[in-house]
Amino acid sequence: MIRYAEYLGPNVTFYQIQDKEQILKFLDLKKKMEGEDPDKKWITTWNDYLLRIKYFYRWLHNAKDKGMNAKSYDSWTTTSFININMKRNKKV
């Protein structure tokens, strides 16, 4: 989350992010060209960042809405802007 916060800069709060395109712009910085990464290992990095960002935003928005009642992960809701699919690696 530190890299994501650095990307957003000091003038943007996590609460201001309300559009999946804002998150995708950060994630797409992790993409590499075929010649740079022929095994497409960047996809693993991209998906890892996505999972961490999703989990963080789920916690952030549920803690804001539910306060102390947001302790149970099972009761969390997911805001629509964070519904981003993971990339599939074509390796078998």
PDB file of N, CA and C in Angstrom:
ATOM      1  N   MET A   1       0.821  -1.195   0.000  1.00  0.00           N
ATOM      2  CA  MET A   1       0.000   0.000   0.000  1.00  0.00           C
ATOM      3  C   MET A   1       0.860   1.252   0.000  1.00  0.00           C
ATOM      4  N   ILE A   2       2.102   1.117   0.428  1.00  0.00           N
ATOM      5  CA  ILE A   2       2.968   2.286   0.454  1.00  0.00           C
ATOM      6  C   ILE A   2       3.218   2.792  -0.964  1.00  0.00           C
ATOM      7  N   ARG A   3       3.495   1.882  -1.886  1.00  0.00           N
ATOM      8  CA  ARG A   3       3.723   2.288  -3.285  1.00  0.00           C
ATOM      9  C   ARG A   3       2.475   2.946  -3.876  1.00  0.00           C
ATOM     10  N   TYR A   4       1.331   2.411  -3.540  1.00  0.00           N
ATOM     11  CA  TYR A   4       0.071   2.976  -4.029  1.00  0.00           C
ATOM     12  C   TYR A   4      -0.135   4.366  -3.445  1.00  0.00           C
ATOM     13  N   ALA A   5       0.132   4.544  -2.165  1.00  0.00           N
ATOM     14  CA  ALA A   5      -0.006   5.853  -1.524  1.00  0.00           C
ATOM     15  C   ALA A   5       0.980   6.852  -2.135  1.00  0.00           C
ATOM     16  N   GLU A   6       2.195   6.404  -2.407  1.00  0.00           N
ATOM     17  CA  GLU A   6       3.181   7.279  -3.053  1.00  0.00           C
ATOM     18  C   GLU A   6       2.704   7.683  -4.443  1.00  0.00           C
ATOM     19  N   TYR A   7       2.096   6.747  -5.152  1.00  0.00           N
ATOM     20  CA  TYR A   7       1.570   7.034  -6.485  1.00  0.00           C
ATOM     21  C   TYR A   7       0.463   8.092  -6.409  1.00  0.00           C
ATOM     22  N   LEU A   8      -0.410   7.981  -5.430  1.00  0.00           N
ATOM     23  CA  LEU A   8      -1.504   8.942  -5.287  1.00  0.00           C
ATOM     24  C   LEU A   8      -1.012  10.333  -4.929  1.00  0.00           C
ATOM     25  N   GLY A   9       0.064  10.386  -4.156  1.00  0.00           N
ATOM     26  CA  GLY A   9       0.630  11.674  -3.764  1.00  0.00           C
ATOM     27  C   GLY A   9       0.014  12.208  -2.483  1.00  0.00           C
ATOM     28  N   PRO A  10       0.598  13.273  -1.951  1.00  0.00           N
ATOM     29  CA  PRO A  10       0.165  13.797  -0.653  1.00  0.00           C
ATOM     30  C   PRO A  10      -1.179  14.529  -0.677  1.00  0.00           C
ATOM     31  N   ASN A  11      -1.666  14.884  -1.852  1.00  0.00           N
ATOM     32  CA  ASN A  11      -2.900  15.670  -1.936  1.00  0.00           C
ATOM     33  C   ASN A  11      -4.150  14.837  -2.203  1.00  0.00           C
ATOM     34  N   VAL A  12      -3.993  13.513  -2.253  1.00  0.00           N
ATOM     35  CA  VAL A  12      -5.130  12.630  -2.519  1.00  0.00           C
ATOM     36  C   VAL A  12      -5.282  11.660  -1.348  1.00  0.00           C
ATOM     37  N   THR A  13      -6.500  11.565  -0.821  1.00  0.00           N
ATOM     38  CA  THR A  13      -6.757  10.604   0.251  1.00  0.00           C
ATOM     39  C   THR A  13      -7.348   9.341  -0.357  1.00  0.00           C
ATOM     40  N   PHE A  14      -7.257   8.254   0.374  1.00  0.00           N
ATOM     41  CA  PHE A  14      -7.840   6.997  -0.099  1.00  0.00           C
ATOM     42  C   PHE A  14      -9.349   7.127  -0.277  1.00  0.00           C
ATOM     43  N   TYR A  15      -9.975   7.952   0.536  1.00  0.00           N
ATOM     44  CA  TYR A  15     -11.427   8.142   0.427  1.00  0.00           C
ATOM     45  C   TYR A  15     -11.816   8.843  -0.872  1.00  0.00           C
ATOM     46  N   GLN A  16     -10.905   9.586  -1.474  1.00  0.00           N
ATOM     47  CA  GLN A  16     -11.205  10.295  -2.721  1.00  0.00           C
ATOM     48  C   GLN A  16     -11.221   9.365  -3.930  1.00  0.00           C
ATOM     49  N   ILE A  17     -10.661   8.190  -3.806  1.00  0.00           N
ATOM     50  CA  ILE A  17     -10.645   7.245  -4.918  1.00  0.00           C
ATOM     51  C   ILE A  17     -12.019   6.580  -4.994  1.00  0.00           C
ATOM     52  N   GLN A  18     -12.723   6.816  -6.073  1.00  0.00           N
ATOM     53  CA  GLN A  18     -14.071   6.279  -6.241  1.00  0.00           C
ATOM     54  C   GLN A  18     -14.303   5.661  -7.614  1.00  0.00           C
ATOM     55  N   ASP A  19     -13.232   5.518  -8.380  1.00  0.00           N
ATOM     56  CA  ASP A  19     -13.360   5.035  -9.759  1.00  0.00           C
ATOM     57  C   ASP A  19     -12.306   3.968 -10.019  1.00  0.00           C
ATOM     58  N   LYS A  20     -12.708   2.872 -10.612  1.00  0.00           N
ATOM     59  CA  LYS A  20     -11.761   1.786 -10.869  1.00  0.00           C
ATOM     60  C   LYS A  20     -10.644   2.206 -11.804  1.00  0.00           C
ATOM     61  N   GLU A  21     -10.886   3.186 -12.665  1.00  0.00           N
ATOM     62  CA  GLU A  21      -9.845   3.656 -13.587  1.00  0.00           C
ATOM     63  C   GLU A  21      -8.665   4.253 -12.827  1.00  0.00           C
ATOM     64  N   GLN A  22      -8.930   4.864 -11.684  1.00  0.00           N
ATOM     65  CA  GLN A  22      -7.854   5.426 -10.867  1.00  0.00           C
ATOM     66  C   GLN A  22      -6.939   4.314 -10.344  1.00  0.00           C
ATOM     67  N   ILE A  23      -7.506   3.182 -10.026  1.00  0.00           N
ATOM     68  CA  ILE A  23      -6.728   2.042  -9.535  1.00  0.00           C
ATOM     69  C   ILE A  23      -6.025   1.350 -10.696  1.00  0.00           C
ATOM     70  N   LEU A  24      -6.725   1.196 -11.816  1.00  0.00           N
ATOM     71  CA  LEU A  24      -6.135   0.535 -12.982  1.00  0.00           C
ATOM     72  C   LEU A  24      -4.917   1.288 -13.526  1.00  0.00           C
ATOM     73  N   LYS A  25      -4.937   2.614 -13.441  1.00  0.00           N
ATOM     74  CA  LYS A  25      -3.778   3.389 -13.891  1.00  0.00           C
ATOM     75  C   LYS A  25      -2.542   3.018 -13.083  1.00  0.00           C
ATOM     76  N   PHE A  26      -2.707   2.847 -11.775  1.00  0.00           N
ATOM     77  CA  PHE A  26      -1.582   2.442 -10.937  1.00  0.00           C
ATOM     78  C   PHE A  26      -1.149   1.020 -11.282  1.00  0.00           C
ATOM     79  N   LEU A  27      -2.099   0.115 -11.374  1.00  0.00           N
ATOM     80  CA  LEU A  27      -1.765  -1.280 -11.655  1.00  0.00           C
ATOM     81  C   LEU A  27      -1.071  -1.438 -13.007  1.00  0.00           C
ATOM     82  N   ASP A  28      -1.497  -0.672 -13.975  1.00  0.00           N
ATOM     83  CA  ASP A  28      -0.917  -0.787 -15.310  1.00  0.00           C
ATOM     84  C   ASP A  28       0.534  -0.319 -15.368  1.00  0.00           C
ATOM     85  N   LEU A  29       0.985   0.388 -14.347  1.00  0.00           N
ATOM     86  CA  LEU A  29       2.403   0.745 -14.261  1.00  0.00           C
ATOM     87  C   LEU A  29       3.262  -0.498 -14.035  1.00  0.00           C
ATOM     88  N   LYS A  30       2.646  -1.577 -13.600  1.00  0.00           N
ATOM     89  CA  LYS A  30       3.366  -2.824 -13.323  1.00  0.00           C
ATOM     90  C   LYS A  30       3.552  -3.677 -14.575  1.00  0.00           C
ATOM     91  N   LYS A  31       2.879  -3.313 -15.668  1.00  0.00           N
ATOM     92  CA  LYS A  31       3.003  -4.071 -16.910  1.00  0.00           C
ATOM     93  C   LYS A  31       4.385  -3.883 -17.503  1.00  0.00           C
ATOM     94  N   LYS A  32       4.878  -4.937 -18.143  1.00  0.00           N
ATOM     95  CA  LYS A  32       6.168  -4.878 -18.824  1.00  0.00           C
ATOM     96  C   LYS A  32       5.993  -5.388 -20.246  1.00  0.00           C
ATOM     97  N   MET A  33       6.861  -4.934 -21.107  1.00  0.00           N
ATOM     98  CA  MET A  33       6.837  -5.348 -22.510  1.00  0.00           C
ATOM     99  C   MET A  33       7.303  -6.802 -22.625  1.00  0.00           C
ATOM    100  N   GLU A  34       6.899  -7.463 -23.684  1.00  0.00           N
ATOM    101  CA  GLU A  34       7.250  -8.870 -23.926  1.00  0.00           C
ATOM    102  C   GLU A  34       8.762  -9.097 -23.883  1.00  0.00           C
ATOM    103  N   GLY A  35       9.536  -8.205 -24.476  1.00  0.00           N
ATOM    104  CA  GLY A  35      10.993  -8.349 -24.488  1.00  0.00           C
ATOM    105  C   GLY A  35      11.611  -8.192 -23.113  1.00  0.00           C
ATOM    106  N   GLU A  36      10.988  -7.383 -22.277  1.00  0.00           N
ATOM    107  CA  GLU A  36      11.471  -7.152 -20.911  1.00  0.00           C
ATOM    108  C   GLU A  36      11.134  -8.311 -19.985  1.00  0.00           C
ATOM    109  N   ASP A  37       9.972  -8.902 -20.217  1.00  0.00           N
ATOM    110  CA  ASP A  37       9.468  -9.951 -19.326  1.00  0.00           C
ATOM    111  C   ASP A  37       8.766 -11.033 -20.150  1.00  0.00           C
ATOM    112  N   PRO A  38       9.525 -11.881 -20.839  1.00  0.00           N
ATOM    113  CA  PRO A  38       8.911 -12.876 -21.722  1.00  0.00           C
ATOM    114  C   PRO A  38       8.036 -13.897 -20.990  1.00  0.00           C
ATOM    115  N   ASP A  39       8.300 -14.127 -19.714  1.00  0.00           N
ATOM    116  CA  ASP A  39       7.487 -15.076 -18.936  1.00  0.00           C
ATOM    117  C   ASP A  39       6.235 -14.428 -18.342  1.00  0.00           C
ATOM    118  N   LYS A  40       6.075 -13.146 -18.566  1.00  0.00           N
ATOM    119  CA  LYS A  40       4.927 -12.381 -18.067  1.00  0.00           C
ATOM    120  C   LYS A  40       4.766 -12.489 -16.550  1.00  0.00           C
ATOM    121  N   LYS A  41       5.878 -12.383 -15.859  1.00  0.00           N
ATOM    122  CA  LYS A  41       5.844 -12.404 -14.397  1.00  0.00           C
ATOM    123  C   LYS A  41       5.169 -11.160 -13.837  1.00  0.00           C
ATOM    124  N   TRP A  42       5.078 -10.113 -14.654  1.00  0.00           N
ATOM    125  CA  TRP A  42       4.426  -8.893 -14.202  1.00  0.00           C
ATOM    126  C   TRP A  42       2.965  -9.160 -13.837  1.00  0.00           C
ATOM    127  N   ILE A  43       2.357 -10.170 -14.435  1.00  0.00           N
ATOM    128  CA  ILE A  43       0.951 -10.477 -14.141  1.00  0.00           C
ATOM    129  C   ILE A  43       0.792 -10.878 -12.678  1.00  0.00           C
ATOM    130  N   THR A  44       1.735 -11.635 -12.146  1.00  0.00           N
ATOM    131  CA  THR A  44       1.691 -12.011 -10.737  1.00  0.00           C
ATOM    132  C   THR A  44       1.781 -10.771  -9.855  1.00  0.00           C
ATOM    133  N   THR A  45       2.671  -9.855 -10.206  1.00  0.00           N
ATOM    134  CA  THR A  45       2.819  -8.607  -9.452  1.00  0.00           C
ATOM    135  C   THR A  45       1.539  -7.786  -9.537  1.00  0.00           C
ATOM    136  N   TRP A  46       0.991  -7.652 -10.727  1.00  0.00           N
ATOM    137  CA  TRP A  46      -0.239  -6.891 -10.958  1.00  0.00           C
ATOM    138  C   TRP A  46      -1.365  -7.451 -10.090  1.00  0.00           C
ATOM    139  N   ASN A  47      -1.529  -8.784 -10.114  1.00  0.00           N
ATOM    140  CA  ASN A  47      -2.591  -9.436  -9.331  1.00  0.00           C
ATOM    141  C   ASN A  47      -2.355  -9.299  -7.831  1.00  0.00           C
ATOM    142  N   ASP A  48      -1.103  -9.363  -7.403  1.00  0.00           N
ATOM    143  CA  ASP A  48      -0.793  -9.214  -5.984  1.00  0.00           C
ATOM    144  C   ASP A  48      -1.168  -7.818  -5.496  1.00  0.00           C
ATOM    145  N   TYR A  49      -0.777  -6.804  -6.248  1.00  0.00           N
ATOM    146  CA  TYR A  49      -1.159  -5.439  -5.881  1.00  0.00           C
ATOM    147  C   TYR A  49      -2.680  -5.292  -5.867  1.00  0.00           C
ATOM    148  N   LEU A  50      -3.352  -5.868  -6.858  1.00  0.00           N
ATOM    149  CA  LEU A  50      -4.814  -5.781  -6.914  1.00  0.00           C
ATOM    150  C   LEU A  50      -5.445  -6.386  -5.669  1.00  0.00           C
ATOM    151  N   LEU A  51      -5.008  -7.569  -5.280  1.00  0.00           N
ATOM    152  CA  LEU A  51      -5.582  -8.216  -4.095  1.00  0.00           C
ATOM    153  C   LEU A  51      -5.381  -7.377  -2.838  1.00  0.00           C
ATOM    154  N   ARG A  52      -4.203  -6.813  -2.696  1.00  0.00           N
ATOM    155  CA  ARG A  52      -3.926  -5.990  -1.522  1.00  0.00           C
ATOM    156  C   ARG A  52      -4.756  -4.717  -1.518  1.00  0.00           C
ATOM    157  N   ILE A  53      -4.901  -4.093  -2.678  1.00  0.00           N
ATOM    158  CA  ILE A  53      -5.703  -2.870  -2.774  1.00  0.00           C
ATOM    159  C   ILE A  53      -7.171  -3.176  -2.515  1.00  0.00           C
ATOM    160  N   LYS A  54      -7.676  -4.267  -3.077  1.00  0.00           N
ATOM    161  CA  LYS A  54      -9.065  -4.666  -2.843  1.00  0.00           C
ATOM    162  C   LYS A  54      -9.338  -4.884  -1.359  1.00  0.00           C
ATOM    163  N   TYR A  55      -8.455  -5.642  -0.727  1.00  0.00           N
ATOM    164  CA  TYR A  55      -8.626  -5.934   0.699  1.00  0.00           C
ATOM    165  C   TYR A  55      -8.606  -4.643   1.506  1.00  0.00           C
ATOM    166  N   PHE A  56      -7.673  -3.759   1.198  1.00  0.00           N
ATOM    167  CA  PHE A  56      -7.580  -2.485   1.912  1.00  0.00           C
ATOM    168  C   PHE A  56      -8.855  -1.666   1.749  1.00  0.00           C
ATOM    169  N   TYR A  57      -9.335  -1.522   0.511  1.00  0.00           N
ATOM    170  CA  TYR A  57     -10.540  -0.718   0.288  1.00  0.00           C
ATOM    171  C   TYR A  57     -11.773  -1.350   0.900  1.00  0.00           C
ATOM    172  N   ARG A  58     -11.830  -2.666   0.891  1.00  0.00           N
ATOM    173  CA  ARG A  58     -12.959  -3.324   1.568  1.00  0.00           C
ATOM    174  C   ARG A  58     -12.923  -2.977   3.052  1.00  0.00           C
ATOM    175  N   TRP A  59     -11.752  -3.077   3.665  1.00  0.00           N
ATOM    176  CA  TRP A  59     -11.620  -2.735   5.086  1.00  0.00           C
ATOM    177  C   TRP A  59     -11.949  -1.265   5.307  1.00  0.00           C
ATOM    178  N   LEU A  60     -11.384  -0.378   4.493  1.00  0.00           N
ATOM    179  CA  LEU A  60     -11.554   1.062   4.665  1.00  0.00           C
ATOM    180  C   LEU A  60     -13.022   1.463   4.633  1.00  0.00           C
ATOM    181  N   HIS A  61     -13.731   0.999   3.617  1.00  0.00           N
ATOM    182  CA  HIS A  61     -15.129   1.400   3.470  1.00  0.00           C
ATOM    183  C   HIS A  61     -16.038   0.725   4.487  1.00  0.00           C
ATOM    184  N   ASN A  62     -15.746  -0.480   4.881  1.00  0.00           N
ATOM    185  CA  ASN A  62     -16.562  -1.142   5.893  1.00  0.00           C
ATOM    186  C   ASN A  62     -16.292  -0.576   7.278  1.00  0.00           C
ATOM    187  N   ALA A  63     -15.058  -0.235   7.569  1.00  0.00           N
ATOM    188  CA  ALA A  63     -14.739   0.375   8.864  1.00  0.00           C
ATOM    189  C   ALA A  63     -15.386   1.747   8.972  1.00  0.00           C
ATOM    190  N   LYS A  64     -15.414   2.467   7.867  1.00  0.00           N
ATOM    191  CA  LYS A  64     -16.043   3.794   7.856  1.00  0.00           C
ATOM    192  C   LYS A  64     -17.550   3.677   8.079  1.00  0.00           C
ATOM    193  N   ASP A  65     -18.180   2.733   7.387  1.00  0.00           N
ATOM    194  CA  ASP A  65     -19.636   2.581   7.466  1.00  0.00           C
ATOM    195  C   ASP A  65     -20.109   1.866   8.728  1.00  0.00           C
ATOM    196  N   LYS A  66     -19.342   0.872   9.178  1.00  0.00           N
ATOM    197  CA  LYS A  66     -19.814   0.027  10.271  1.00  0.00           C
ATOM    198  C   LYS A  66     -19.060   0.226  11.577  1.00  0.00           C
ATOM    199  N   GLY A  67     -17.984   0.971  11.546  1.00  0.00           N
ATOM    200  CA  GLY A  67     -17.208   1.204  12.754  1.00  0.00           C
ATOM    201  C   GLY A  67     -16.664  -0.092  13.323  1.00  0.00           C
ATOM    202  N   MET A  68     -16.825  -0.290  14.596  1.00  0.00           N
ATOM    203  CA  MET A  68     -16.294  -1.475  15.262  1.00  0.00           C
ATOM    204  C   MET A  68     -16.988  -2.754  14.813  1.00  0.00           C
ATOM    205  N   ASN A  69     -18.160  -2.648  14.222  1.00  0.00           N
ATOM    206  CA  ASN A  69     -18.875  -3.833  13.743  1.00  0.00           C
ATOM    207  C   ASN A  69     -18.264  -4.395  12.464  1.00  0.00           C
ATOM    208  N   ALA A  70     -17.237  -3.744  11.931  1.00  0.00           N
ATOM    209  CA  ALA A  70     -16.602  -4.190  10.685  1.00  0.00           C
ATOM    210  C   ALA A  70     -15.503  -5.214  10.941  1.00  0.00           C
ATOM    211  N   LYS A  71     -15.418  -5.712  12.148  1.00  0.00           N
ATOM    212  CA  LYS A  71     -14.353  -6.655  12.484  1.00  0.00           C
ATOM    213  C   LYS A  71     -14.465  -7.966  11.712  1.00  0.00           C
ATOM    214  N   SER A  72     -15.663  -8.419  11.461  1.00  0.00           N
ATOM    215  CA  SER A  72     -15.865  -9.702  10.805  1.00  0.00           C
ATOM    216  C   SER A  72     -15.750  -9.551   9.285  1.00  0.00           C
ATOM    217  N   TYR A  73     -14.712 -10.161   8.734  1.00  0.00           N
ATOM    218  CA  TYR A  73     -14.468 -10.103   7.296  1.00  0.00           C
ATOM    219  C   TYR A  73     -15.664 -10.637   6.512  1.00  0.00           C
ATOM    220  N   ASP A  74     -16.349 -11.635   7.049  1.00  0.00           N
ATOM    221  CA  ASP A  74     -17.499 -12.238   6.366  1.00  0.00           C
ATOM    222  C   ASP A  74     -18.645 -11.258   6.160  1.00  0.00           C
ATOM    223  N   SER A  75     -18.730 -10.248   7.004  1.00  0.00           N
ATOM    224  CA  SER A  75     -19.842  -9.298   6.905  1.00  0.00           C
ATOM    225  C   SER A  75     -19.499  -8.097   6.026  1.00  0.00           C
ATOM    226  N   TRP A  76     -18.284  -8.017   5.521  1.00  0.00           N
ATOM    227  CA  TRP A  76     -17.885  -6.878   4.704  1.00  0.00           C
ATOM    228  C   TRP A  76     -18.615  -6.875   3.367  1.00  0.00           C
ATOM    229  N   THR A  77     -18.886  -5.705   2.882  1.00  0.00           N
ATOM    230  CA  THR A  77     -19.423  -5.539   1.532  1.00  0.00           C
ATOM    231  C   THR A  77     -18.316  -4.944   0.659  1.00  0.00           C
ATOM    232  N   THR A  78     -18.434  -5.151  -0.630  1.00  0.00           N
ATOM    233  CA  THR A  78     -17.431  -4.646  -1.562  1.00  0.00           C
ATOM    234  C   THR A  78     -18.043  -3.519  -2.372  1.00  0.00           C
ATOM    235  N   THR A  79     -17.386  -2.358  -2.359  1.00  0.00           N
ATOM    236  CA  THR A  79     -17.876  -1.246  -3.161  1.00  0.00           C
ATOM    237  C   THR A  79     -17.660  -1.566  -4.641  1.00  0.00           C
ATOM    238  N   SER A  80     -18.532  -1.083  -5.471  1.00  0.00           N
ATOM    239  CA  SER A  80     -18.522  -1.466  -6.882  1.00  0.00           C
ATOM    240  C   SER A  80     -17.261  -1.029  -7.614  1.00  0.00           C
ATOM    241  N   PHE A  81     -16.649   0.084  -7.223  1.00  0.00           N
ATOM    242  CA  PHE A  81     -15.491   0.560  -7.976  1.00  0.00           C
ATOM    243  C   PHE A  81     -14.265  -0.343  -7.831  1.00  0.00           C
ATOM    244  N   ILE A  82     -14.262  -1.212  -6.847  1.00  0.00           N
ATOM    245  CA  ILE A  82     -13.112  -2.090  -6.625  1.00  0.00           C
ATOM    246  C   ILE A  82     -13.305  -3.477  -7.264  1.00  0.00           C
ATOM    247  N   ASN A  83     -14.424  -3.692  -7.910  1.00  0.00           N
ATOM    248  CA  ASN A  83     -14.656  -4.973  -8.594  1.00  0.00           C
ATOM    249  C   ASN A  83     -13.857  -5.016  -9.893  1.00  0.00           C
ATOM    250  N   ILE A  84     -12.603  -5.397  -9.753  1.00  0.00           N
ATOM    251  CA  ILE A  84     -11.675  -5.499 -10.879  1.00  0.00           C
ATOM    252  C   ILE A  84     -11.227  -6.956 -10.949  1.00  0.00           C
ATOM    253  N   ASN A  85     -11.277  -7.519 -12.122  1.00  0.00           N
ATOM    254  CA  ASN A  85     -10.870  -8.912 -12.292  1.00  0.00           C
ATOM    255  C   ASN A  85      -9.358  -9.045 -12.352  1.00  0.00           C
ATOM    256  N   MET A  86      -8.882 -10.173 -11.823  1.00  0.00           N
ATOM    257  CA  MET A  86      -7.460 -10.462 -11.896  1.00  0.00           C
ATOM    258  C   MET A  86      -7.106 -10.805 -13.336  1.00  0.00           C
ATOM    259  N   LYS A  87      -5.844 -10.604 -13.675  1.00  0.00           N
ATOM    260  CA  LYS A  87      -5.361 -10.977 -15.005  1.00  0.00           C
ATOM    261  C   LYS A  87      -5.010 -12.458 -14.978  1.00  0.00           C
ATOM    262  N   ARG A  88      -5.250 -13.116 -16.080  1.00  0.00           N
ATOM    263  CA  ARG A  88      -4.935 -14.533 -16.194  1.00  0.00           C
ATOM    264  C   ARG A  88      -3.593 -14.684 -16.860  1.00  0.00           C
ATOM    265  N   ASN A  89      -2.791 -15.529 -16.283  1.00  0.00           N
ATOM    266  CA  ASN A  89      -1.504 -15.852 -16.865  1.00  0.00           C
ATOM    267  C   ASN A  89      -1.715 -17.044 -17.798  1.00  0.00           C
ATOM    268  N   LYS A  90      -1.225 -16.959 -18.999  1.00  0.00           N
ATOM    269  CA  LYS A  90      -1.489 -17.988 -19.994  1.00  0.00           C
ATOM    270  C   LYS A  90      -0.595 -19.208 -19.841  1.00  0.00           C
ATOM    271  N   LYS A  91       0.315 -19.175 -18.863  1.00  0.00           N
ATOM    272  CA  LYS A  91       1.150 -20.344 -18.620  1.00  0.00           C
ATOM    273  C   LYS A  91       0.299 -21.481 -18.068  1.00  0.00           C
ATOM    274  N   VAL A  92       0.608 -22.671 -18.459  1.00  0.00           N
ATOM    275  CA  VAL A  92      -0.161 -23.826 -17.995  1.00  0.00           C
ATOM    276  C   VAL A  92       0.593 -24.529 -16.895  1.00  0.00           C
TER     277      VAL A  92
END
